[in-house]
Amino acid sequence: MTANRSDLTYPEVGATAGTLPSGYHHLRRSRVIGSGAACFATAGRRIMNWDMHRRAGFGVDESTPAATVDADVDLRAGLGPLAITARCRVIEVIDAPRERGFAYGTLPGHPEIGEERFWVEWLDDDTVVGHVVAFSRPGRWFTRLGGPIGRVVQSRFAERYLDALMCG
């Protein structure tokens, strides 16, 4: 399912599920986060109800519903007048027996332009793996000015997302 493309800030909607588009910074991270059905269920809930984002350091309003296609979310980073709000729209929900997660795309005003996909996978050997895939480029004057710092920040948050999914 694809969200209303007219509000998103990029044309390659859904590309995190396949080949990442050129003209963007690409990020791919995967990590074994545990094993078994309980780990898979817990990690899936953390992704879908925004706890992964909260545990990684983003502010997400407690009233924000679980991720559903076309739902908008405001992610906040920083404090007080230095806080940045990143508006996103869920463009895909993954709800399969052994995979769970979602992807969202950036909305106008987001510091970046692009898409990010988060999911957990329960493998046949009982291993549970968390994944983060993204493509992005600067979307605001301060992210353009920051240059490579933005890529470092995104990479650090990807690791924090995976930390937030660790079981046991």
Protein backbone atom coordinates (compact mmCIF):
# COMPACT_ATOMS: atom_id res chain seq x y z
CA MET A 1 0.00 0.00 0.00
CA THR A 2 1.25 3.46 -0.80
CA ALA A 3 0.42 6.68 0.99
CA ASN A 4 -0.77 9.89 -0.66
CA ARG A 5 2.34 10.75 -2.65
CA SER A 6 1.44 14.42 -3.06
CA ASP A 7 2.36 15.27 0.54
CA LEU A 8 5.61 13.32 0.70
CA THR A 9 8.84 15.15 -0.12
CA TYR A 10 10.29 12.59 -2.53
CA PRO A 11 9.02 10.61 -5.55
CA GLU A 12 10.55 7.17 -4.83
CA VAL A 13 7.86 6.06 -2.36
CA GLY A 14 8.35 2.47 -1.22
CA ALA A 15 11.95 2.14 -2.43
CA THR A 16 13.22 0.95 0.98
CA ALA A 17 11.51 -2.37 0.19
CA GLY A 18 13.79 -2.90 -2.84
CA THR A 19 16.53 -1.08 -4.71
CA LEU A 20 17.49 2.19 -3.05
CA PRO A 21 17.39 5.18 -5.43
CA SER A 22 20.45 7.10 -6.56
CA GLY A 23 20.99 10.68 -5.45
CA TYR A 24 20.59 9.85 -1.74
CA HIS A 25 22.74 8.62 1.12
CA HIS A 26 21.95 4.93 1.74
CA LEU A 27 21.89 3.23 5.12
CA ARG A 28 21.47 -0.49 5.85
CA ARG A 29 21.84 -1.97 9.32
CA SER A 30 20.89 -5.41 10.60
CA ARG A 31 21.60 -7.11 13.91
CA VAL A 32 20.64 -10.30 15.72
CA ILE A 33 18.50 -9.07 18.62
CA GLY A 34 17.58 -12.40 20.21
CA SER A 35 15.73 -15.61 19.47
CA GLY A 36 12.30 -17.17 19.66
CA ALA A 37 8.65 -16.25 19.37
CA ALA A 38 8.60 -14.06 22.50
CA CYS A 39 11.50 -11.92 21.23
CA PHE A 40 9.88 -11.58 17.82
CA ALA A 41 6.56 -10.51 19.39
CA THR A 42 8.20 -8.03 21.78
CA ALA A 43 10.40 -6.45 19.11
CA GLY A 44 7.45 -6.23 16.71
CA ARG A 45 5.38 -4.40 19.35
CA ARG A 46 8.26 -2.01 20.08
CA ILE A 47 8.45 -1.09 16.42
CA MET A 48 4.72 -0.80 15.77
CA ASN A 49 3.82 1.25 18.87
CA TRP A 50 6.76 3.70 18.55
CA ASP A 51 8.60 2.38 21.63
CA MET A 52 11.67 1.69 19.48
CA HIS A 53 11.76 5.40 18.58
CA ARG A 54 11.18 6.48 22.19
CA ARG A 55 13.91 4.14 23.47
CA ALA A 56 16.26 5.52 20.81
CA GLY A 57 15.76 9.05 22.14
CA PHE A 58 12.95 10.51 20.04
CA GLY A 59 9.94 12.13 21.63
CA VAL A 60 6.72 10.58 20.35
CA ASP A 61 3.46 11.72 21.90
CA GLU A 62 1.95 8.96 24.05
CA SER A 63 -1.38 9.39 22.26
CA THR A 64 0.19 8.48 18.89
CA PRO A 65 -1.58 5.32 17.67
CA ALA A 66 0.28 2.25 16.46
CA ALA A 67 1.75 2.54 12.98
CA THR A 68 -0.85 2.23 10.21
CA VAL A 69 -0.63 3.16 6.54
CA ASP A 70 -1.22 6.91 5.99
CA ALA A 71 -0.76 7.75 9.70
CA ASP A 72 1.34 10.85 10.36
CA VAL A 73 3.77 11.06 13.27
CA ASP A 74 5.81 13.88 14.76
CA LEU A 75 9.20 12.77 16.04
CA ARG A 76 10.99 15.22 18.33
CA ALA A 77 14.72 15.36 19.01
CA GLY A 78 16.45 17.81 21.34
CA LEU A 79 15.17 20.04 24.11
CA GLY A 80 13.42 23.37 24.37
CA PRO A 81 14.16 25.91 21.64
CA LEU A 82 16.76 23.56 20.11
CA ALA A 83 14.24 20.76 19.58
CA ILE A 84 13.62 19.63 16.03
CA THR A 85 10.36 18.05 14.89
CA ALA A 86 10.53 15.54 12.08
CA ARG A 87 7.14 14.89 10.43
CA CYS A 88 6.68 11.53 8.75
CA ARG A 89 3.91 9.47 7.16
CA VAL A 90 3.68 5.69 7.39
CA ILE A 91 3.71 4.37 3.82
CA GLU A 92 3.84 0.62 4.45
CA VAL A 93 3.04 -1.84 7.23
CA ILE A 94 4.72 -5.23 7.30
CA ASP A 95 2.56 -7.81 9.07
CA ALA A 96 3.58 -11.32 8.12
CA PRO A 97 3.94 -14.44 10.28
CA ARG A 98 7.74 -13.96 10.49
CA GLU A 99 8.19 -10.26 9.67
CA ARG A 100 6.77 -7.18 11.35
CA GLY A 101 7.42 -3.47 10.96
CA PHE A 102 6.77 -0.42 8.81
CA ALA A 103 8.26 2.24 6.59
CA TYR A 104 7.70 5.97 6.69
CA GLY A 105 8.50 8.85 4.41
CA THR A 106 9.32 12.47 5.11
CA LEU A 107 6.75 15.26 5.01
CA PRO A 108 7.39 18.98 4.36
CA GLY A 109 9.46 20.55 7.15
CA HIS A 110 11.37 17.35 7.97
CA PRO A 111 15.13 17.98 8.27
CA GLU A 112 15.77 15.25 5.69
CA ILE A 113 14.15 14.08 2.46
CA GLY A 114 13.67 10.34 2.09
CA GLU A 115 12.36 7.16 3.60
CA GLU A 116 13.17 4.76 6.41
CA ARG A 117 12.04 1.17 6.95
CA PHE A 118 12.17 -0.73 10.25
CA TRP A 119 11.33 -4.39 10.65
CA VAL A 120 12.07 -7.47 12.63
CA GLU A 121 12.45 -10.91 11.07
CA TRP A 122 12.13 -14.31 12.78
CA LEU A 123 14.34 -16.76 10.89
CA ASP A 124 13.84 -20.52 10.55
CA ASP A 125 16.76 -21.19 12.93
CA ASP A 126 14.80 -19.23 15.64
CA THR A 127 17.10 -16.20 15.37
CA VAL A 128 15.39 -12.79 15.44
CA VAL A 129 17.02 -10.03 13.38
CA GLY A 130 16.23 -6.30 13.46
CA HIS A 131 16.67 -4.26 10.27
CA VAL A 132 16.85 -0.56 9.40
CA VAL A 133 17.08 0.60 5.77
CA ALA A 134 16.96 4.22 4.66
CA PHE A 135 17.71 6.65 1.88
CA SER A 136 17.96 10.36 2.58
CA ARG A 137 19.44 13.69 1.67
CA PRO A 138 19.35 17.06 3.44
CA GLY A 139 15.97 18.75 3.37
CA ARG A 140 16.55 21.96 5.34
CA TRP A 141 19.22 24.64 5.40
CA PHE A 142 20.71 23.39 8.68
CA THR A 143 21.02 19.78 7.48
CA ARG A 144 22.64 20.97 4.25
CA LEU A 145 25.01 23.12 6.31
CA GLY A 146 25.79 20.16 8.58
CA GLY A 147 26.93 18.04 5.63
CA PRO A 148 28.36 14.69 6.74
CA ILE A 149 27.26 15.27 10.35
CA GLY A 150 23.72 14.35 9.29
CA ARG A 151 24.90 10.96 8.03
CA VAL A 152 26.71 10.32 11.32
CA VAL A 153 23.59 11.24 13.29
CA GLN A 154 21.40 8.99 11.13
CA SER A 155 23.82 6.09 11.52
CA ARG A 156 23.91 6.59 15.29
CA PHE A 157 20.11 6.57 15.48
CA ALA A 158 19.97 3.39 13.39
CA GLU A 159 22.22 1.70 15.96
CA ARG A 160 20.07 3.07 18.79
CA TYR A 161 16.94 1.68 17.09
CA LEU A 162 18.53 -1.76 17.00
CA ASP A 163 19.67 -1.38 20.63
CA ALA A 164 16.04 -0.61 21.53
CA LEU A 165 14.91 -3.91 20.00
CA MET A 166 17.36 -6.14 21.90
CA CYS A 167 15.66 -8.98 23.77
CA GLY A 168 16.72 -10.33 27.14
